[in-house]
N, C-alpha and C. Protein backbone atom coordinates (compact mmCIF):
# COMPACT_ATOMS: atom_id res chain seq x y z
N MET A 1 23.22 -14.76 23.23
CA MET A 1 22.92 -13.41 22.67
C MET A 1 22.05 -13.76 21.24
N ALA A 2 21.48 -13.26 21.17
CA ALA A 2 20.14 -13.25 19.86
C ALA A 2 20.32 -12.76 18.78
N LYS A 3 20.35 -13.41 17.39
CA LYS A 3 20.90 -12.81 16.44
C LYS A 3 20.62 -11.86 15.61
N PRO A 4 20.71 -10.21 15.14
CA PRO A 4 20.07 -9.00 14.71
C PRO A 4 19.30 -9.89 14.09
N ARG A 5 17.92 -9.23 14.31
CA ARG A 5 16.69 -9.40 12.78
C ARG A 5 17.51 -8.74 11.69
N LYS A 6 17.03 -9.58 10.24
CA LYS A 6 17.93 -8.80 9.20
C LYS A 6 16.59 -8.21 8.80
N SER A 7 16.35 -6.61 7.55
CA SER A 7 15.39 -5.83 7.39
C SER A 7 14.57 -6.60 6.72
N TRP A 8 13.49 -6.16 6.34
CA TRP A 8 13.04 -6.59 4.70
C TRP A 8 14.21 -6.16 3.48
N ARG A 9 14.53 -5.66 3.67
CA ARG A 9 15.95 -4.83 2.41
C ARG A 9 16.81 -5.98 2.53
N GLU A 10 17.78 -6.30 3.47
CA GLU A 10 18.72 -7.25 3.59
C GLU A 10 17.77 -8.55 3.01
N LYS A 11 16.94 -8.86 3.38
CA LYS A 11 16.23 -10.28 2.70
C LYS A 11 16.31 -10.12 1.22
N LEU A 12 15.90 -9.25 1.12
CA LEU A 12 15.27 -8.60 -0.59
C LEU A 12 16.32 -9.74 -1.35
N HIS A 13 17.42 -8.53 -1.00
CA HIS A 13 18.85 -8.85 -1.79
C HIS A 13 20.04 -9.88 -1.85
N GLU A 14 19.19 -10.80 -0.60
CA GLU A 14 20.00 -12.00 -0.57
C GLU A 14 18.83 -12.86 -0.82
N SER A 15 20.31 -13.59 -2.52
CA SER A 15 19.69 -14.55 -3.69
C SER A 15 19.78 -16.20 -3.30
N LYS A 16 20.29 -16.52 -2.56
CA LYS A 16 21.15 -17.32 -2.04
C LYS A 16 20.59 -18.35 -3.10
N GLY A 17 22.32 -18.15 -4.25
CA GLY A 17 22.36 -19.84 -5.08
C GLY A 17 20.54 -19.11 -6.23
N LEU A 18 19.36 -18.29 -6.06
CA LEU A 18 18.82 -18.28 -6.62
C LEU A 18 18.56 -17.36 -7.80
N PRO A 19 18.25 -17.37 -9.30
CA PRO A 19 17.45 -18.40 -9.87
C PRO A 19 17.80 -19.35 -9.01
N PHE A 20 16.70 -20.55 -9.86
CA PHE A 20 17.28 -22.25 -9.76
C PHE A 20 16.81 -22.60 -11.10
N VAL A 21 16.24 -23.63 -11.74
CA VAL A 21 15.82 -24.28 -12.19
C VAL A 21 15.96 -26.28 -12.28
N GLU A 22 15.11 -26.70 -11.77
CA GLU A 22 15.06 -28.03 -11.51
C GLU A 22 13.80 -28.69 -11.81
N PRO A 23 13.87 -30.22 -12.11
CA PRO A 23 13.11 -30.79 -12.10
C PRO A 23 11.81 -31.01 -11.33
N ILE A 24 10.48 -30.99 -11.21
CA ILE A 24 9.37 -30.58 -11.25
C ILE A 24 9.32 -32.15 -9.97
N PRO A 25 9.89 -31.86 -7.82
CA PRO A 25 9.55 -33.12 -7.58
C PRO A 25 8.55 -33.65 -7.87
N LEU A 26 8.68 -35.27 -7.50
CA LEU A 26 7.84 -36.81 -7.75
C LEU A 26 6.65 -35.58 -6.64
N LYS A 27 6.47 -35.07 -5.64
CA LYS A 27 5.85 -34.87 -4.40
C LYS A 27 4.88 -34.33 -5.02
N MET A 28 4.98 -32.88 -6.30
CA MET A 28 4.34 -31.93 -6.95
C MET A 28 3.76 -32.29 -8.18
N THR A 29 4.07 -33.69 -9.06
CA THR A 29 3.60 -34.08 -9.62
C THR A 29 2.35 -34.36 -9.80
N ARG A 30 1.78 -34.64 -9.10
CA ARG A 30 0.27 -34.89 -8.99
C ARG A 30 -0.08 -33.89 -8.64
N THR A 31 0.46 -32.23 -8.71
CA THR A 31 -0.74 -31.11 -9.15
C THR A 31 -0.07 -30.41 -10.23
N TRP A 32 1.54 -30.61 -10.07
CA TRP A 32 2.07 -29.91 -11.12
C TRP A 32 1.94 -30.16 -12.54
N GLY A 33 2.17 -31.97 -12.33
CA GLY A 33 2.57 -32.64 -14.05
C GLY A 33 4.28 -32.62 -14.08
N THR A 34 5.10 -33.21 -14.70
CA THR A 34 6.28 -33.31 -15.13
C THR A 34 6.35 -31.83 -15.70
N GLY A 35 8.27 -32.06 -15.67
CA GLY A 35 8.82 -30.98 -16.35
C GLY A 35 9.27 -30.41 -15.50
N THR A 36 10.10 -28.87 -15.08
CA THR A 36 10.82 -28.59 -14.66
C THR A 36 10.12 -27.37 -13.58
N ILE A 37 10.65 -26.91 -13.10
CA ILE A 37 9.99 -25.90 -12.00
C ILE A 37 11.31 -24.48 -11.84
N CYS A 38 10.77 -23.12 -12.50
CA CYS A 38 11.97 -22.00 -11.46
C CYS A 38 11.72 -21.95 -10.69
N VAL A 39 12.91 -21.84 -9.34
CA VAL A 39 12.67 -20.50 -8.22
C VAL A 39 13.26 -19.65 -8.14
N PRO A 40 13.00 -18.45 -8.16
CA PRO A 40 12.97 -17.20 -8.58
C PRO A 40 13.53 -16.51 -7.22
N ALA A 41 14.57 -15.46 -7.80
CA ALA A 41 15.79 -14.54 -6.26
C ALA A 41 14.43 -13.70 -6.17
N PRO A 42 14.43 -13.40 -4.59
CA PRO A 42 13.51 -12.47 -4.64
C PRO A 42 13.66 -10.95 -5.24
N LEU A 43 14.10 -10.34 -5.32
CA LEU A 43 14.63 -9.23 -6.30
C LEU A 43 14.16 -9.36 -7.83
N GLU A 44 13.85 -10.44 -8.38
CA GLU A 44 13.61 -11.06 -9.41
C GLU A 44 11.19 -10.50 -9.17
N ILE A 45 11.01 -11.25 -8.49
CA ILE A 45 9.79 -11.05 -7.88
C ILE A 45 8.60 -9.73 -7.47
N ASP A 46 10.55 -8.67 -6.45
CA ASP A 46 10.27 -7.17 -6.70
C ASP A 46 10.24 -6.77 -7.70
N GLU A 47 10.99 -6.75 -8.34
CA GLU A 47 10.88 -6.37 -10.20
C GLU A 47 9.56 -6.68 -11.55
N ILE A 48 9.17 -7.96 -11.22
CA ILE A 48 7.50 -8.23 -11.40
C ILE A 48 7.07 -7.60 -11.02
N MET A 49 6.36 -7.55 -9.87
CA MET A 49 5.53 -7.01 -8.89
C MET A 49 5.28 -4.92 -8.86
N ARG A 50 6.44 -4.74 -9.35
CA ARG A 50 6.92 -3.42 -10.07
C ARG A 50 5.98 -2.85 -11.04
N SER A 51 6.29 -3.78 -11.71
CA SER A 51 6.50 -3.24 -12.80
C SER A 51 4.61 -3.12 -13.37
N VAL A 52 4.48 -3.84 -12.78
CA VAL A 52 2.59 -3.27 -12.16
C VAL A 52 2.47 -2.54 -12.46
N PRO A 53 1.20 -1.95 -13.37
CA PRO A 53 1.25 -0.21 -13.08
C PRO A 53 -0.03 -0.32 -11.90
N LYS A 54 0.15 1.11 -11.69
CA LYS A 54 -1.30 1.16 -10.37
C LYS A 54 -1.85 1.70 -11.09
N GLY A 55 -3.52 0.62 -9.69
CA GLY A 55 -4.52 0.65 -10.07
C GLY A 55 -4.64 -0.51 -10.74
N LYS A 56 -3.36 -1.42 -11.35
CA LYS A 56 -4.06 -2.76 -11.96
C LYS A 56 -3.62 -4.08 -11.24
N LEU A 57 -3.78 -5.23 -11.41
CA LEU A 57 -3.98 -6.29 -11.14
C LEU A 57 -3.50 -7.61 -11.51
N MET A 58 -2.26 -8.36 -10.39
CA MET A 58 -1.22 -9.22 -11.16
C MET A 58 -1.28 -10.61 -10.35
N THR A 59 -1.98 -11.76 -11.06
CA THR A 59 -1.81 -12.47 -9.86
C THR A 59 -0.61 -13.52 -9.46
N VAL A 60 -0.83 -13.81 -8.93
CA VAL A 60 0.08 -15.36 -8.45
C VAL A 60 0.56 -16.17 -9.72
N ASN A 61 -0.26 -16.58 -10.07
CA ASN A 61 -0.48 -17.60 -11.75
C ASN A 61 0.17 -16.51 -12.74
N GLN A 62 -0.49 -15.12 -12.70
CA GLN A 62 0.76 -14.66 -13.58
C GLN A 62 1.66 -14.43 -13.74
N ILE A 63 2.49 -14.45 -12.06
CA ILE A 63 3.69 -14.36 -12.01
C ILE A 63 4.18 -15.65 -12.35
N ARG A 64 4.20 -16.76 -11.64
CA ARG A 64 4.44 -17.84 -12.16
C ARG A 64 5.11 -17.73 -13.63
N GLU A 65 3.77 -17.67 -13.93
CA GLU A 65 3.94 -17.39 -15.70
C GLU A 65 5.09 -16.78 -16.64
N ILE A 66 5.61 -15.83 -15.85
CA ILE A 66 6.28 -14.69 -15.97
C ILE A 66 7.73 -15.54 -15.66
N VAL A 67 7.90 -16.08 -14.19
CA VAL A 67 9.12 -16.03 -14.11
C VAL A 67 9.17 -17.66 -15.47
N ALA A 68 8.21 -18.40 -15.38
CA ALA A 68 8.40 -19.92 -16.35
C ALA A 68 8.91 -19.48 -17.64
N ARG A 69 8.36 -18.19 -17.75
CA ARG A 69 8.71 -17.92 -19.63
C ARG A 69 10.37 -17.45 -19.40
N ARG A 70 10.37 -16.86 -18.08
CA ARG A 70 11.91 -16.22 -18.40
C ARG A 70 13.24 -16.74 -18.90
N HIS A 71 13.05 -18.10 -17.82
CA HIS A 71 13.74 -18.67 -16.76
C HIS A 71 13.44 -20.43 -18.22
N GLY A 72 12.37 -20.94 -19.09
CA GLY A 72 12.53 -22.05 -19.16
C GLY A 72 12.33 -23.01 -18.59
N ALA A 73 11.56 -22.71 -17.88
CA ALA A 73 10.68 -23.87 -17.14
C ALA A 73 9.51 -23.82 -17.03
N THR A 74 8.92 -24.90 -16.75
CA THR A 74 7.51 -25.67 -16.76
C THR A 74 6.64 -24.40 -15.75
N ILE A 75 7.03 -24.63 -14.77
CA ILE A 75 6.47 -23.60 -13.78
C ILE A 75 6.96 -22.65 -12.92
N GLY A 76 6.45 -21.61 -12.85
CA GLY A 76 7.09 -21.06 -12.04
C GLY A 76 7.03 -20.70 -10.27
């Protein structure tokens, strides 16, 4: 019997040990350099996206900057 699929809300509230900050993996240093990377929890991204005023735009890079700044990481 197949497992029932999780709803979007269930996935959103599943943190799985997130957020966490770790050194940038070696395979990513060519693109991002050295330092630390923050992997945020889904609810944190949802909160950031909901903070964008209606009719305004926020890029993925702006979201990355916010996450990195919040957690004291080099990149998000």
